[in-house]
């Protein structure tokens, strides 16, 4: 089932210490004051997640219909466009969580990792 802007917003805001603001006339999502995702750029069909270049490569390779690097230097630094209509909810949630972990304070990001069984 395709994802929607509402899904993107809900997933982003479900992460600890996340707040929604506006940047360049579209919603952005921040943790510790750092943008990790935006919505409706370049239009309402898209979102963006800030990944590392290696993470970006993996997401694009595994899901080429969903993810592509943003244009220019921003894209080369990991900014990755997400075509919401092609993203299932699981992969969208995974991309948003990955971007959030990249920008969250390390102690907060570590708490979000799955617990290992003893």
PDB file of N, CA and C in Angstrom:
ATOM      1  N   UNK A   1       0.839  -1.176   0.000  1.00  0.00           N
ATOM      2  CA  UNK A   1       0.000   0.000   0.000  1.00  0.00           C
ATOM      3  C   UNK A   1       0.890   1.249   0.000  1.00  0.00           C
ATOM      4  N   UNK A   2       0.641   2.200  -0.881  1.00  0.00           N
ATOM      5  CA  UNK A   2       1.485   3.395  -0.957  1.00  0.00           C
ATOM      6  C   UNK A   2       1.373   4.258   0.295  1.00  0.00           C
ATOM      7  N   UNK A   3       2.414   5.000   0.542  1.00  0.00           N
ATOM      8  CA  UNK A   3       2.441   5.919   1.682  1.00  0.00           C
ATOM      9  C   UNK A   3       1.875   7.276   1.277  1.00  0.00           C
ATOM     10  N   UNK A   4       1.511   8.042   2.280  1.00  0.00           N
ATOM     11  CA  UNK A   4       0.924   9.363   2.067  1.00  0.00           C
ATOM     12  C   UNK A   4       1.719  10.399   2.861  1.00  0.00           C
ATOM     13  N   UNK A   5       1.499  11.677   2.575  1.00  0.00           N
ATOM     14  CA  UNK A   5       2.129  12.703   3.406  1.00  0.00           C
ATOM     15  C   UNK A   5       1.755  12.555   4.889  1.00  0.00           C
ATOM     16  N   UNK A   6       0.536  12.120   5.167  1.00  0.00           N
ATOM     17  CA  UNK A   6       0.120  11.908   6.563  1.00  0.00           C
ATOM     18  C   UNK A   6       0.945  10.804   7.223  1.00  0.00           C
ATOM     19  N   UNK A   7       1.236   9.739   6.464  1.00  0.00           N
ATOM     20  CA  UNK A   7       2.082   8.662   6.999  1.00  0.00           C
ATOM     21  C   UNK A   7       3.472   9.202   7.316  1.00  0.00           C
ATOM     22  N   UNK A   8       4.036   9.962   6.387  1.00  0.00           N
ATOM     23  CA  UNK A   8       5.376  10.540   6.571  1.00  0.00           C
ATOM     24  C   UNK A   8       5.408  11.379   7.844  1.00  0.00           C
ATOM     25  N   UNK A   9       4.451  12.270   7.984  1.00  0.00           N
ATOM     26  CA  UNK A   9       4.374  13.150   9.158  1.00  0.00           C
ATOM     27  C   UNK A   9       4.210  12.326  10.441  1.00  0.00           C
ATOM     28  N   UNK A  10       3.313  11.362  10.428  1.00  0.00           N
ATOM     29  CA  UNK A  10       3.060  10.536  11.607  1.00  0.00           C
ATOM     30  C   UNK A  10       4.316   9.757  12.015  1.00  0.00           C
ATOM     31  N   UNK A  11       5.009   9.147  11.046  1.00  0.00           N
ATOM     32  CA  UNK A  11       6.228   8.394  11.360  1.00  0.00           C
ATOM     33  C   UNK A  11       7.289   9.320  11.951  1.00  0.00           C
ATOM     34  N   UNK A  12       7.494  10.474  11.325  1.00  0.00           N
ATOM     35  CA  UNK A  12       8.519  11.400  11.811  1.00  0.00           C
ATOM     36  C   UNK A  12       8.199  11.881  13.224  1.00  0.00           C
ATOM     37  N   UNK A  13       6.966  12.288  13.455  1.00  0.00           N
ATOM     38  CA  UNK A  13       6.597  12.839  14.760  1.00  0.00           C
ATOM     39  C   UNK A  13       6.501  11.784  15.857  1.00  0.00           C
ATOM     40  N   UNK A  14       6.480  10.506  15.485  1.00  0.00           N
ATOM     41  CA  UNK A  14       6.437   9.444  16.493  1.00  0.00           C
ATOM     42  C   UNK A  14       7.807   9.212  17.131  1.00  0.00           C
ATOM     43  N   UNK A  15       8.851   9.776  16.549  1.00  0.00           N
ATOM     44  CA  UNK A  15      10.203   9.568  17.069  1.00  0.00           C
ATOM     45  C   UNK A  15      10.484  10.541  18.217  1.00  0.00           C
ATOM     46  N   UNK A  16      11.203  10.084  19.245  1.00  0.00           N
ATOM     47  CA  UNK A  16      11.445  10.909  20.425  1.00  0.00           C
ATOM     48  C   UNK A  16      12.083  12.259  20.096  1.00  0.00           C
ATOM     49  N   UNK A  17      11.612  13.276  20.804  1.00  0.00           N
ATOM     50  CA  UNK A  17      12.167  14.631  20.746  1.00  0.00           C
ATOM     51  C   UNK A  17      12.107  15.257  19.352  1.00  0.00           C
ATOM     52  N   UNK A  18      11.183  14.788  18.515  1.00  0.00           N
ATOM     53  CA  UNK A  18      11.027  15.347  17.169  1.00  0.00           C
ATOM     54  C   UNK A  18      10.015  16.476  17.204  1.00  0.00           C
ATOM     55  N   UNK A  19      10.334  17.532  16.469  1.00  0.00           N
ATOM     56  CA  UNK A  19       9.389  18.632  16.330  1.00  0.00           C
ATOM     57  C   UNK A  19       9.248  18.988  14.863  1.00  0.00           C
ATOM     58  N   UNK A  20       8.076  19.486  14.513  1.00  0.00           N
ATOM     59  CA  UNK A  20       7.816  19.936  13.151  1.00  0.00           C
ATOM     60  C   UNK A  20       7.935  21.453  13.101  1.00  0.00           C
ATOM     61  N   UNK A  21       8.648  21.934  12.101  1.00  0.00           N
ATOM     62  CA  UNK A  21       8.766  23.360  11.827  1.00  0.00           C
ATOM     63  C   UNK A  21       8.574  23.570  10.330  1.00  0.00           C
ATOM     64  N   UNK A  22       8.831  24.788   9.882  1.00  0.00           N
ATOM     65  CA  UNK A  22       8.769  25.087   8.446  1.00  0.00           C
ATOM     66  C   UNK A  22      10.107  25.608   7.994  1.00  0.00           C
ATOM     67  N   UNK A  23      10.489  25.194   6.784  1.00  0.00           N
ATOM     68  CA  UNK A  23      11.740  25.643   6.189  1.00  0.00           C
ATOM     69  C   UNK A  23      11.506  25.799   4.695  1.00  0.00           C
ATOM     70  N   UNK A  24      11.722  26.980   4.176  1.00  0.00           N
ATOM     71  CA  UNK A  24      11.525  27.257   2.754  1.00  0.00           C
ATOM     72  C   UNK A  24      10.123  26.845   2.278  1.00  0.00           C
ATOM     73  N   UNK A  25       9.124  27.190   3.068  1.00  0.00           N
ATOM     74  CA  UNK A  25       7.706  26.976   2.744  1.00  0.00           C
ATOM     75  C   UNK A  25       7.261  25.524   2.690  1.00  0.00           C
ATOM     76  N   UNK A  26       7.971  24.626   3.339  1.00  0.00           N
ATOM     77  CA  UNK A  26       7.479  23.256   3.475  1.00  0.00           C
ATOM     78  C   UNK A  26       7.837  22.728   4.861  1.00  0.00           C
ATOM     79  N   UNK A  27       7.060  21.746   5.349  1.00  0.00           N
ATOM     80  CA  UNK A  27       7.303  21.221   6.696  1.00  0.00           C
ATOM     81  C   UNK A  27       8.655  20.518   6.776  1.00  0.00           C
ATOM     82  N   UNK A  28       9.339  20.704   7.894  1.00  0.00           N
ATOM     83  CA  UNK A  28      10.529  19.910   8.154  1.00  0.00           C
ATOM     84  C   UNK A  28      10.407  19.296   9.541  1.00  0.00           C
ATOM     85  N   UNK A  29      11.210  18.285   9.768  1.00  0.00           N
ATOM     86  CA  UNK A  29      11.188  17.546  11.026  1.00  0.00           C
ATOM     87  C   UNK A  29      12.592  17.568  11.587  1.00  0.00           C
ATOM     88  N   UNK A  30      12.684  17.919  12.889  1.00  0.00           N
ATOM     89  CA  UNK A  30      13.976  18.145  13.526  1.00  0.00           C
ATOM     90  C   UNK A  30      14.078  17.359  14.827  1.00  0.00           C
ATOM     91  N   UNK A  31      15.300  16.968  15.117  1.00  0.00           N
ATOM     92  CA  UNK A  31      15.643  16.406  16.417  1.00  0.00           C
ATOM     93  C   UNK A  31      16.876  17.180  16.883  1.00  0.00           C
ATOM     94  N   UNK A  32      16.846  17.633  18.114  1.00  0.00           N
ATOM     95  CA  UNK A  32      17.942  18.447  18.664  1.00  0.00           C
ATOM     96  C   UNK A  32      18.248  19.627  17.747  1.00  0.00           C
ATOM     97  N   UNK A  33      17.208  20.196  17.138  1.00  0.00           N
ATOM     98  CA  UNK A  33      17.364  21.364  16.280  1.00  0.00           C
ATOM     99  C   UNK A  33      17.876  21.083  14.882  1.00  0.00           C
ATOM    100  N   UNK A  34      18.161  19.820  14.567  1.00  0.00           N
ATOM    101  CA  UNK A  34      18.720  19.453  13.265  1.00  0.00           C
ATOM    102  C   UNK A  34      17.645  18.828  12.378  1.00  0.00           C
ATOM    103  N   UNK A  35      17.548  19.328  11.151  1.00  0.00           N
ATOM    104  CA  UNK A  35      16.586  18.776  10.188  1.00  0.00           C
ATOM    105  C   UNK A  35      17.053  17.390   9.755  1.00  0.00           C
ATOM    106  N   UNK A  36      16.155  16.408   9.859  1.00  0.00           N
ATOM    107  CA  UNK A  36      16.459  15.066   9.364  1.00  0.00           C
ATOM    108  C   UNK A  36      15.517  14.649   8.237  1.00  0.00           C
ATOM    109  N   UNK A  37      14.421  15.386   8.053  1.00  0.00           N
ATOM    110  CA  UNK A  37      13.476  15.050   6.985  1.00  0.00           C
ATOM    111  C   UNK A  37      12.633  16.274   6.649  1.00  0.00           C
ATOM    112  N   UNK A  38      12.159  16.317   5.415  1.00  0.00           N
ATOM    113  CA  UNK A  38      11.226  17.358   4.994  1.00  0.00           C
ATOM    114  C   UNK A  38      10.105  16.706   4.210  1.00  0.00           C
ATOM    115  N   UNK A  39       9.026  17.430   4.110  1.00  0.00           N
ATOM    116  CA  UNK A  39       7.848  16.929   3.416  1.00  0.00           C
ATOM    117  C   UNK A  39       7.440  17.944   2.358  1.00  0.00           C
ATOM    118  N   UNK A  40       6.903  17.439   1.251  1.00  0.00           N
ATOM    119  CA  UNK A  40       6.346  18.278   0.181  1.00  0.00           C
ATOM    120  C   UNK A  40       7.415  19.059  -0.573  1.00  0.00           C
ATOM    121  N   UNK A  41       8.569  18.434  -0.778  1.00  0.00           N
ATOM    122  CA  UNK A  41       9.580  19.063  -1.606  1.00  0.00           C
ATOM    123  C   UNK A  41      10.042  18.063  -2.648  1.00  0.00           C
ATOM    124  N   UNK A  42       9.943  18.350  -3.933  1.00  0.00           N
ATOM    125  CA  UNK A  42       9.571  19.628  -4.527  1.00  0.00           C
ATOM    126  C   UNK A  42       8.064  19.866  -4.585  1.00  0.00           C
ATOM    127  N   UNK A  43       7.259  18.810  -4.333  1.00  0.00           N
ATOM    128  CA  UNK A  43       5.802  18.988  -4.275  1.00  0.00           C
ATOM    129  C   UNK A  43       5.226  17.966  -3.308  1.00  0.00           C
ATOM    130  N   UNK A  44       3.901  17.949  -3.171  1.00  0.00           N
ATOM    131  CA  UNK A  44       3.243  17.119  -2.159  1.00  0.00           C
ATOM    132  C   UNK A  44       3.426  15.619  -2.352  1.00  0.00           C
ATOM    133  N   UNK A  45       3.923  15.190  -3.511  1.00  0.00           N
ATOM    134  CA  UNK A  45       4.129  13.766  -3.784  1.00  0.00           C
ATOM    135  C   UNK A  45       5.429  13.229  -3.197  1.00  0.00           C
ATOM    136  N   UNK A  46       6.256  14.116  -2.679  1.00  0.00           N
ATOM    137  CA  UNK A  46       7.613  13.753  -2.264  1.00  0.00           C
ATOM    138  C   UNK A  46       7.905  14.097  -0.813  1.00  0.00           C
ATOM    139  N   UNK A  47       8.879  13.403  -0.264  1.00  0.00           N
ATOM    140  CA  UNK A  47       9.500  13.739   1.003  1.00  0.00           C
ATOM    141  C   UNK A  47      10.998  13.682   0.794  1.00  0.00           C
ATOM    142  N   UNK A  48      11.758  14.026   1.823  1.00  0.00           N
ATOM    143  CA  UNK A  48      13.209  13.949   1.757  1.00  0.00           C
ATOM    144  C   UNK A  48      13.707  13.486   3.107  1.00  0.00           C
ATOM    145  N   UNK A  49      14.693  12.588   3.079  1.00  0.00           N
ATOM    146  CA  UNK A  49      15.364  12.143   4.297  1.00  0.00           C
ATOM    147  C   UNK A  49      16.855  12.411   4.143  1.00  0.00           C
ATOM    148  N   UNK A  50      17.495  12.808   5.240  1.00  0.00           N
ATOM    149  CA  UNK A  50      18.935  13.104   5.216  1.00  0.00           C
ATOM    150  C   UNK A  50      19.692  11.873   5.702  1.00  0.00           C
ATOM    151  N   UNK A  51      20.282  11.173   4.746  1.00  0.00           N
ATOM    152  CA  UNK A  51      21.020   9.953   5.012  1.00  0.00           C
ATOM    153  C   UNK A  51      22.511  10.212   4.838  1.00  0.00           C
ATOM    154  N   UNK A  52      23.338   9.247   5.211  1.00  0.00           N
ATOM    155  CA  UNK A  52      24.742   9.312   4.820  1.00  0.00           C
ATOM    156  C   UNK A  52      24.806   8.892   3.354  1.00  0.00           C
ATOM    157  N   UNK A  53      25.902   9.169   2.692  1.00  0.00           N
ATOM    158  CA  UNK A  53      26.004   8.780   1.277  1.00  0.00           C
ATOM    159  C   UNK A  53      25.953   7.259   1.118  1.00  0.00           C
ATOM    160  N   UNK A  54      26.488   6.510   2.063  1.00  0.00           N
ATOM    161  CA  UNK A  54      26.432   5.044   1.994  1.00  0.00           C
ATOM    162  C   UNK A  54      24.998   4.555   2.196  1.00  0.00           C
ATOM    163  N   UNK A  55      24.294   5.111   3.169  1.00  0.00           N
ATOM    164  CA  UNK A  55      22.892   4.742   3.382  1.00  0.00           C
ATOM    165  C   UNK A  55      22.067   5.081   2.142  1.00  0.00           C
ATOM    166  N   UNK A  56      22.316   6.257   1.570  1.00  0.00           N
ATOM    167  CA  UNK A  56      21.597   6.675   0.381  1.00  0.00           C
ATOM    168  C   UNK A  56      21.792   5.665  -0.744  1.00  0.00           C
ATOM    169  N   UNK A  57      23.026   5.268  -0.949  1.00  0.00           N
ATOM    170  CA  UNK A  57      23.337   4.294  -1.996  1.00  0.00           C
ATOM    171  C   UNK A  57      22.556   3.001  -1.783  1.00  0.00           C
ATOM    172  N   UNK A  58      22.487   2.524  -0.544  1.00  0.00           N
ATOM    173  CA  UNK A  58      21.775   1.279  -0.239  1.00  0.00           C
ATOM    174  C   UNK A  58      20.276   1.412  -0.479  1.00  0.00           C
ATOM    175  N   UNK A  59      19.671   2.513  -0.007  1.00  0.00           N
ATOM    176  CA  UNK A  59      18.238   2.703  -0.215  1.00  0.00           C
ATOM    177  C   UNK A  59      17.913   2.814  -1.707  1.00  0.00           C
ATOM    178  N   UNK A  60      18.720   3.575  -2.450  1.00  0.00           N
ATOM    179  CA  UNK A  60      18.477   3.758  -3.884  1.00  0.00           C
ATOM    180  C   UNK A  60      18.644   2.434  -4.620  1.00  0.00           C
ATOM    181  N   UNK A  61      19.672   1.671  -4.274  1.00  0.00           N
ATOM    182  CA  UNK A  61      19.919   0.393  -4.938  1.00  0.00           C
ATOM    183  C   UNK A  61      18.804  -0.616  -4.663  1.00  0.00           C
ATOM    184  N   UNK A  62      18.338  -0.676  -3.428  1.00  0.00           N
ATOM    185  CA  UNK A  62      17.298  -1.647  -3.052  1.00  0.00           C
ATOM    186  C   UNK A  62      15.898  -1.230  -3.501  1.00  0.00           C
ATOM    187  N   UNK A  63      15.652   0.077  -3.623  1.00  0.00           N
ATOM    188  CA  UNK A  63      14.305   0.584  -3.944  1.00  0.00           C
ATOM    189  C   UNK A  63      14.405   1.747  -4.931  1.00  0.00           C
ATOM    190  N   UNK A  64      14.862   1.482  -6.162  1.00  0.00           N
ATOM    191  CA  UNK A  64      15.106   2.576  -7.114  1.00  0.00           C
ATOM    192  C   UNK A  64      13.853   3.340  -7.545  1.00  0.00           C
ATOM    193  N   UNK A  65      12.684   2.738  -7.436  1.00  0.00           N
ATOM    194  CA  UNK A  65      11.452   3.451  -7.800  1.00  0.00           C
ATOM    195  C   UNK A  65      11.003   4.399  -6.694  1.00  0.00           C
ATOM    196  N   UNK A  66      11.564   4.235  -5.501  1.00  0.00           N
ATOM    197  CA  UNK A  66      11.145   5.014  -4.329  1.00  0.00           C
ATOM    198  C   UNK A  66      12.126   6.143  -4.017  1.00  0.00           C
ATOM    199  N   UNK A  67      13.412   5.840  -4.027  1.00  0.00           N
ATOM    200  CA  UNK A  67      14.437   6.771  -3.558  1.00  0.00           C
ATOM    201  C   UNK A  67      15.335   7.231  -4.699  1.00  0.00           C
ATOM    202  N   UNK A  68      15.726   8.493  -4.659  1.00  0.00           N
ATOM    203  CA  UNK A  68      16.778   8.983  -5.543  1.00  0.00           C
ATOM    204  C   UNK A  68      17.467  10.172  -4.877  1.00  0.00           C
ATOM    205  N   UNK A  69      18.765  10.348  -5.174  1.00  0.00           N
ATOM    206  CA  UNK A  69      19.488  11.471  -4.582  1.00  0.00           C
ATOM    207  C   UNK A  69      18.882  12.796  -5.035  1.00  0.00           C
ATOM    208  N   UNK A  70      18.834  13.749  -4.129  1.00  0.00           N
ATOM    209  CA  UNK A  70      18.419  15.103  -4.504  1.00  0.00           C
ATOM    210  C   UNK A  70      19.488  15.681  -5.434  1.00  0.00           C
ATOM    211  N   UNK A  71      19.145  16.729  -6.146  1.00  0.00           N
ATOM    212  CA  UNK A  71      20.070  17.348  -7.090  1.00  0.00           C
ATOM    213  C   UNK A  71      21.243  18.030  -6.398  1.00  0.00           C
ATOM    214  N   UNK A  72      22.366  18.066  -7.085  1.00  0.00           N
ATOM    215  CA  UNK A  72      23.514  18.858  -6.678  1.00  0.00           C
ATOM    216  C   UNK A  72      24.253  18.351  -5.455  1.00  0.00           C
ATOM    217  N   UNK A  73      24.960  19.280  -4.832  1.00  0.00           N
ATOM    218  CA  UNK A  73      25.799  18.951  -3.673  1.00  0.00           C
ATOM    219  C   UNK A  73      24.969  18.396  -2.525  1.00  0.00           C
ATOM    220  N   UNK A  74      23.773  18.911  -2.379  1.00  0.00           N
ATOM    221  CA  UNK A  74      22.881  18.438  -1.306  1.00  0.00           C
ATOM    222  C   UNK A  74      22.654  16.935  -1.440  1.00  0.00           C
ATOM    223  N   UNK A  75      22.376  16.474  -2.648  1.00  0.00           N
ATOM    224  CA  UNK A  75      22.181  15.049  -2.901  1.00  0.00           C
ATOM    225  C   UNK A  75      23.455  14.245  -2.706  1.00  0.00           C
ATOM    226  N   UNK A  76      24.582  14.802  -3.113  1.00  0.00           N
ATOM    227  CA  UNK A  76      25.864  14.097  -2.928  1.00  0.00           C
ATOM    228  C   UNK A  76      26.204  13.957  -1.448  1.00  0.00           C
ATOM    229  N   UNK A  77      25.607  14.798  -0.605  1.00  0.00           N
ATOM    230  CA  UNK A  77      25.838  14.721   0.840  1.00  0.00           C
ATOM    231  C   UNK A  77      24.812  13.845   1.543  1.00  0.00           C
ATOM    232  N   UNK A  78      23.932  13.177   0.786  1.00  0.00           N
ATOM    233  CA  UNK A  78      23.004  12.224   1.380  1.00  0.00           C
ATOM    234  C   UNK A  78      21.545  12.614   1.369  1.00  0.00           C
ATOM    235  N   UNK A  79      21.206  13.835   0.970  1.00  0.00           N
ATOM    236  CA  UNK A  79      19.794  14.225   0.898  1.00  0.00           C
ATOM    237  C   UNK A  79      19.124  13.354  -0.169  1.00  0.00           C
ATOM    238  N   UNK A  80      18.076  12.661   0.239  1.00  0.00           N
ATOM    239  CA  UNK A  80      17.472  11.633  -0.592  1.00  0.00           C
ATOM    240  C   UNK A  80      15.975  11.864  -0.734  1.00  0.00           C
ATOM    241  N   UNK A  81      15.515  11.981  -1.968  1.00  0.00           N
ATOM    242  CA  UNK A  81      14.086  12.159  -2.247  1.00  0.00           C
ATOM    243  C   UNK A  81      13.360  10.828  -2.110  1.00  0.00           C
ATOM    244  N   UNK A  82      12.120  10.908  -1.620  1.00  0.00           N
ATOM    245  CA  UNK A  82      11.274   9.730  -1.428  1.00  0.00           C
ATOM    246  C   UNK A  82       9.964   9.976  -2.169  1.00  0.00           C
ATOM    247  N   UNK A  83       9.657   9.150  -3.170  1.00  0.00           N
ATOM    248  CA  UNK A  83       8.385   9.245  -3.877  1.00  0.00           C
ATOM    249  C   UNK A  83       7.354   8.473  -3.059  1.00  0.00           C
ATOM    250  N   UNK A  84       6.496   9.208  -2.364  1.00  0.00           N
ATOM    251  CA  UNK A  84       5.592   8.603  -1.385  1.00  0.00           C
ATOM    252  C   UNK A  84       4.668   7.557  -2.000  1.00  0.00           C
ATOM    253  N   UNK A  85       4.172   7.793  -3.202  1.00  0.00           N
ATOM    254  CA  UNK A  85       3.222   6.859  -3.816  1.00  0.00           C
ATOM    255  C   UNK A  85       3.846   5.503  -4.135  1.00  0.00           C
ATOM    256  N   UNK A  86       5.171   5.428  -4.164  1.00  0.00           N
ATOM    257  CA  UNK A  86       5.878   4.168  -4.445  1.00  0.00           C
ATOM    258  C   UNK A  86       6.449   3.523  -3.187  1.00  0.00           C
ATOM    259  N   UNK A  87       6.400   4.232  -2.069  1.00  0.00           N
ATOM    260  CA  UNK A  87       7.002   3.738  -0.819  1.00  0.00           C
ATOM    261  C   UNK A  87       5.962   3.015   0.024  1.00  0.00           C
ATOM    262  N   UNK A  88       6.248   1.755   0.361  1.00  0.00           N
ATOM    263  CA  UNK A  88       5.352   1.109   1.322  1.00  0.00           C
ATOM    264  C   UNK A  88       5.678   1.659   2.708  1.00  0.00           C
ATOM    265  N   UNK A  89       4.779   1.464   3.625  1.00  0.00           N
ATOM    266  CA  UNK A  89       4.931   2.067   4.955  1.00  0.00           C
ATOM    267  C   UNK A  89       6.160   1.553   5.690  1.00  0.00           C
ATOM    268  N   UNK A  90       6.500   0.295   5.515  1.00  0.00           N
ATOM    269  CA  UNK A  90       7.668  -0.275   6.203  1.00  0.00           C
ATOM    270  C   UNK A  90       8.955   0.407   5.758  1.00  0.00           C
ATOM    271  N   UNK A  91       9.149   0.546   4.447  1.00  0.00           N
ATOM    272  CA  UNK A  91      10.394   1.134   3.954  1.00  0.00           C
ATOM    273  C   UNK A  91      10.438   2.639   4.254  1.00  0.00           C
ATOM    274  N   UNK A  92       9.290   3.308   4.210  1.00  0.00           N
ATOM    275  CA  UNK A  92       9.253   4.726   4.563  1.00  0.00           C
ATOM    276  C   UNK A  92       9.638   4.908   6.028  1.00  0.00           C
ATOM    277  N   UNK A  93       9.067   4.103   6.901  1.00  0.00           N
ATOM    278  CA  UNK A  93       9.394   4.183   8.333  1.00  0.00           C
ATOM    279  C   UNK A  93      10.882   3.921   8.553  1.00  0.00           C
ATOM    280  N   UNK A  94      11.437   2.942   7.850  1.00  0.00           N
ATOM    281  CA  UNK A  94      12.856   2.616   7.987  1.00  0.00           C
ATOM    282  C   UNK A  94      13.738   3.788   7.552  1.00  0.00           C
ATOM    283  N   UNK A  95      13.401   4.434   6.445  1.00  0.00           N
ATOM    284  CA  UNK A  95      14.196   5.566   5.957  1.00  0.00           C
ATOM    285  C   UNK A  95      14.129   6.748   6.926  1.00  0.00           C
ATOM    286  N   UNK A  96      12.941   7.047   7.432  1.00  0.00           N
ATOM    287  CA  UNK A  96      12.787   8.158   8.373  1.00  0.00           C
ATOM    288  C   UNK A  96      13.542   7.865   9.671  1.00  0.00           C
ATOM    289  N   UNK A  97      13.438   6.642  10.177  1.00  0.00           N
ATOM    290  CA  UNK A  97      14.158   6.271  11.402  1.00  0.00           C
ATOM    291  C   UNK A  97      15.669   6.355  11.193  1.00  0.00           C
ATOM    292  N   UNK A  98      16.152   5.913  10.046  1.00  0.00           N
ATOM    293  CA  UNK A  98      17.584   5.988   9.748  1.00  0.00           C
ATOM    294  C   UNK A  98      18.050   7.440   9.753  1.00  0.00           C
ATOM    295  N   UNK A  99      17.294   8.312   9.091  1.00  0.00           N
ATOM    296  CA  UNK A  99      17.651   9.736   9.052  1.00  0.00           C
ATOM    297  C   UNK A  99      17.615  10.334  10.458  1.00  0.00           C
ATOM    298  N   UNK A 100      16.596   9.991  11.237  1.00  0.00           N
ATOM    299  CA  UNK A 100      16.484  10.498  12.606  1.00  0.00           C
ATOM    300  C   UNK A 100      17.703  10.079  13.436  1.00  0.00           C
ATOM    301  N   UNK A 101      18.088   8.799  13.336  1.00  0.00           N
ATOM    302  CA  UNK A 101      19.240   8.307  14.107  1.00  0.00           C
ATOM    303  C   UNK A 101      20.524   9.040  13.709  1.00  0.00           C
ATOM    304  N   UNK A 102      20.626   9.425  12.437  1.00  0.00           N
ATOM    305  CA  UNK A 102      21.813  10.163  11.980  1.00  0.00           C
ATOM    306  C   UNK A 102      21.946  11.518  12.652  1.00  0.00           C
ATOM    307  N   UNK A 103      20.838  12.100  13.083  1.00  0.00           N
ATOM    308  CA  UNK A 103      20.854  13.473  13.590  1.00  0.00           C
ATOM    309  C   UNK A 103      20.509  13.598  15.077  1.00  0.00           C
ATOM    310  N   UNK A 104      20.002  12.538  15.663  1.00  0.00           N
ATOM    311  CA  UNK A 104      19.663  12.564  17.093  1.00  0.00           C
ATOM    312  C   UNK A 104      20.944  12.526  17.928  1.00  0.00           C
ATOM    313  N   UNK A 105      20.901  13.109  19.127  1.00  0.00           N
ATOM    314  CA  UNK A 105      22.046  12.950  20.036  1.00  0.00           C
ATOM    315  C   UNK A 105      22.321  11.452  20.241  1.00  0.00           C
ATOM    316  N   UNK A 106      23.579  11.096  20.358  1.00  0.00           N
ATOM    317  CA  UNK A 106      23.943   9.669  20.365  1.00  0.00           C
ATOM    318  C   UNK A 106      23.240   8.864  21.456  1.00  0.00           C
ATOM    319  N   UNK A 107      23.079   9.436  22.653  1.00  0.00           N
ATOM    320  CA  UNK A 107      22.412   8.662  23.716  1.00  0.00           C
ATOM    321  C   UNK A 107      20.947   8.392  23.373  1.00  0.00           C
ATOM    322  N   UNK A 108      20.300   9.315  22.697  1.00  0.00           N
ATOM    323  CA  UNK A 108      18.911   9.131  22.268  1.00  0.00           C
ATOM    324  C   UNK A 108      18.836   8.112  21.134  1.00  0.00           C
ATOM    325  N   UNK A 109      19.735   8.201  20.175  1.00  0.00           N
ATOM    326  CA  UNK A 109      19.772   7.258  19.056  1.00  0.00           C
ATOM    327  C   UNK A 109      20.039   5.835  19.552  1.00  0.00           C
ATOM    328  N   UNK A 110      20.941   5.696  20.513  1.00  0.00           N
ATOM    329  CA  UNK A 110      21.246   4.365  21.046  1.00  0.00           C
ATOM    330  C   UNK A 110      20.043   3.736  21.717  1.00  0.00           C
ATOM    331  N   UNK A 111      19.243   4.546  22.402  1.00  0.00           N
ATOM    332  CA  UNK A 111      18.037   4.028  23.056  1.00  0.00           C
ATOM    333  C   UNK A 111      17.020   3.494  22.044  1.00  0.00           C
ATOM    334  N   UNK A 112      17.095   3.986  20.804  1.00  0.00           N
ATOM    335  CA  UNK A 112      16.118   3.580  19.785  1.00  0.00           C
ATOM    336  C   UNK A 112      16.475   2.254  19.122  1.00  0.00           C
ATOM    337  N   UNK A 113      17.688   1.742  19.380  1.00  0.00           N
ATOM    338  CA  UNK A 113      18.092   0.491  18.763  1.00  0.00           C
ATOM    339  C   UNK A 113      17.381  -0.679  19.444  1.00  0.00           C
ATOM    340  N   UNK A 114      17.104  -1.746  18.693  1.00  0.00           N
ATOM    341  CA  UNK A 114      16.457  -2.913  19.302  1.00  0.00           C
ATOM    342  C   UNK A 114      17.345  -3.506  20.407  1.00  0.00           C
ATOM    343  N   UNK A 115      16.716  -3.990  21.454  1.00  0.00           N
ATOM    344  CA  UNK A 115      17.448  -4.613  22.554  1.00  0.00           C
ATOM    345  C   UNK A 115      17.913  -5.995  22.119  1.00  0.00           C
ATOM    346  N   UNK A 116      19.150  -6.321  22.474  1.00  0.00           N
ATOM    347  CA  UNK A 116      19.672  -7.655  22.177  1.00  0.00           C
ATOM    348  C   UNK A 116      19.297  -8.596  23.301  1.00  0.00           C
ATOM    349  N   UNK A 117      18.923  -9.822  22.938  1.00  0.00           N
ATOM    350  CA  UNK A 117      18.586 -10.804  23.971  1.00  0.00           C
ATOM    351  C   UNK A 117      19.875 -11.355  24.566  1.00  0.00           C
ATOM    352  N   UNK A 118      19.785 -11.731  25.838  1.00  0.00           N
ATOM    353  CA  UNK A 118      20.985 -12.212  26.561  1.00  0.00           C
ATOM    354  C   UNK A 118      21.185 -13.688  26.370  1.00  0.00           C
TER     355      UNK A 118
END
